[in-house]
């Protein structure tokens, strides 16, 4: 079992959810996030005054998958969350973490069956 953390552009959320559903990944947690990487924020304008925003709005997806779904989930995220054909700085990151155990609270099912 793996826990996939994906930080993506908010505008890509609906497309990513639909693409994941098509490959059979229907359980995920979505969290609003703010951060920056190489783009280091951007300059905004409000009532004629410019100011620097250091943190950009992102969306974090937490997806727990069994081992046989890892590769197809990663491929789906990479294809769907990318902006443009070549991708752009700020498209996001995907991280894969080992998941030791999972327990479904409603019926106490444990392990891969709980995912």
Protein backbone atom coordinates (compact mmCIF):
# COMPACT_ATOMS: atom_id res chain seq x y z
CA UNK A 1 0.00 0.00 0.00
CA UNK A 2 1.16 3.53 -0.78
CA UNK A 3 0.04 7.03 0.13
CA UNK A 4 0.30 9.39 -2.82
CA UNK A 5 0.47 13.11 -2.03
CA UNK A 6 -0.09 15.36 -5.03
CA UNK A 7 0.14 19.16 -4.88
CA UNK A 8 -1.51 20.58 -8.00
CA UNK A 9 -2.99 23.76 -9.47
CA UNK A 10 -6.55 24.39 -8.19
CA UNK A 11 -7.78 24.79 -11.79
CA UNK A 12 -6.80 21.17 -12.50
CA UNK A 13 -8.74 19.62 -9.61
CA UNK A 14 -11.93 18.69 -11.51
CA UNK A 15 -10.00 17.22 -14.45
CA UNK A 16 -7.80 15.17 -12.10
CA UNK A 17 -10.80 13.86 -10.12
CA UNK A 18 -12.55 12.79 -13.33
CA UNK A 19 -9.41 11.12 -14.71
CA UNK A 20 -8.81 9.26 -11.45
CA UNK A 21 -12.42 8.05 -11.42
CA UNK A 22 -11.97 6.68 -14.96
CA UNK A 23 -9.08 4.48 -13.82
CA UNK A 24 -10.94 3.28 -10.72
CA UNK A 25 -9.48 5.55 -8.03
CA UNK A 26 -12.56 6.92 -6.29
CA UNK A 27 -11.33 7.68 -2.78
CA UNK A 28 -9.23 10.73 -2.07
CA UNK A 29 -8.91 13.62 0.34
CA UNK A 30 -8.61 17.19 -0.98
CA UNK A 31 -7.06 19.99 1.08
CA UNK A 32 -6.46 23.64 0.25
CA UNK A 33 -2.77 24.44 0.49
CA UNK A 34 -0.48 27.39 -0.01
CA UNK A 35 3.17 27.31 -0.94
CA UNK A 36 5.86 28.08 -3.45
CA UNK A 37 8.84 26.43 -5.09
CA UNK A 38 10.86 27.73 -8.01
CA UNK A 39 8.38 30.48 -8.97
CA UNK A 40 8.87 32.21 -5.57
CA UNK A 41 5.48 33.93 -5.58
CA UNK A 42 4.25 36.69 -7.85
CA UNK A 43 3.47 40.41 -7.95
CA UNK A 44 -0.19 41.35 -7.59
CA UNK A 45 -1.99 44.68 -7.94
CA UNK A 46 -4.75 45.96 -5.65
CA UNK A 47 -6.27 49.44 -6.14
CA UNK A 48 -3.26 50.54 -8.12
CA UNK A 49 -0.70 49.42 -5.55
CA UNK A 50 1.59 46.51 -6.28
CA UNK A 51 2.44 43.96 -3.62
CA UNK A 52 4.33 40.67 -3.52
CA UNK A 53 2.53 37.42 -2.70
CA UNK A 54 4.96 34.86 -1.35
CA UNK A 55 2.56 31.93 -1.15
CA UNK A 56 0.50 30.64 -4.06
CA UNK A 57 -2.76 28.75 -3.73
CA UNK A 58 -2.52 25.02 -4.46
CA UNK A 59 -4.60 21.93 -3.79
CA UNK A 60 -3.21 18.84 -2.06
CA UNK A 61 -4.63 15.41 -2.84
CA UNK A 62 -4.08 12.48 -0.49
CA UNK A 63 -4.70 9.18 -2.25
CA UNK A 64 -4.22 5.81 -0.55
CA UNK A 65 -3.87 3.02 -3.12
CA UNK A 66 -2.97 -0.65 -3.16
CA UNK A 67 0.28 -1.58 -4.88
CA UNK A 68 -1.40 -2.63 -8.14
CA UNK A 69 -2.85 0.91 -8.55
CA UNK A 70 0.31 2.92 -7.87
CA UNK A 71 1.72 3.18 -11.40
CA UNK A 72 -1.57 3.94 -13.13
CA UNK A 73 -2.41 6.57 -10.50
CA UNK A 74 0.98 8.27 -10.93
CA UNK A 75 0.67 8.23 -14.72
CA UNK A 76 -2.84 9.69 -14.52
CA UNK A 77 -1.71 12.49 -12.18
CA UNK A 78 1.29 13.39 -14.35
CA UNK A 79 -0.76 13.53 -17.55
CA UNK A 80 -3.80 15.34 -16.15
CA UNK A 81 -2.24 17.87 -13.75
CA UNK A 82 0.30 19.15 -16.31
CA UNK A 83 -0.53 22.51 -17.90
CA UNK A 84 0.26 22.72 -21.59
CA UNK A 85 1.99 20.00 -23.58
CA UNK A 86 5.40 20.47 -21.97
CA UNK A 87 4.26 21.49 -18.48
CA UNK A 88 5.15 24.68 -16.63
CA UNK A 89 6.83 25.73 -13.41
CA UNK A 90 4.17 25.63 -10.68
CA UNK A 91 2.28 22.59 -12.02
CA UNK A 92 2.97 20.80 -8.74
CA UNK A 93 4.63 17.77 -7.23
CA UNK A 94 3.72 14.14 -6.58
CA UNK A 95 5.22 12.20 -3.66
CA UNK A 96 4.81 8.51 -2.89
CA UNK A 97 5.08 7.29 0.70
CA UNK A 98 4.89 3.77 2.12
CA UNK A 99 1.64 3.07 3.94
CA UNK A 100 2.06 0.53 6.72
CA UNK A 101 -1.58 -0.02 7.55
CA UNK A 102 -5.11 1.25 6.95
CA UNK A 103 -8.22 0.68 9.04
CA UNK A 104 -11.74 1.37 7.87
CA UNK A 105 -13.52 2.82 10.89
CA UNK A 106 -17.07 1.71 10.00
CA UNK A 107 -16.45 -2.05 9.87
CA UNK A 108 -12.89 -2.28 11.26
CA UNK A 109 -11.57 -3.81 8.03
CA UNK A 110 -7.79 -3.60 8.05
CA UNK A 111 -4.98 -3.64 5.47
CA UNK A 112 -5.40 -3.51 1.67
CA UNK A 113 -9.11 -4.27 1.93
CA UNK A 114 -9.67 -1.03 3.85
CA UNK A 115 -8.44 0.99 0.87
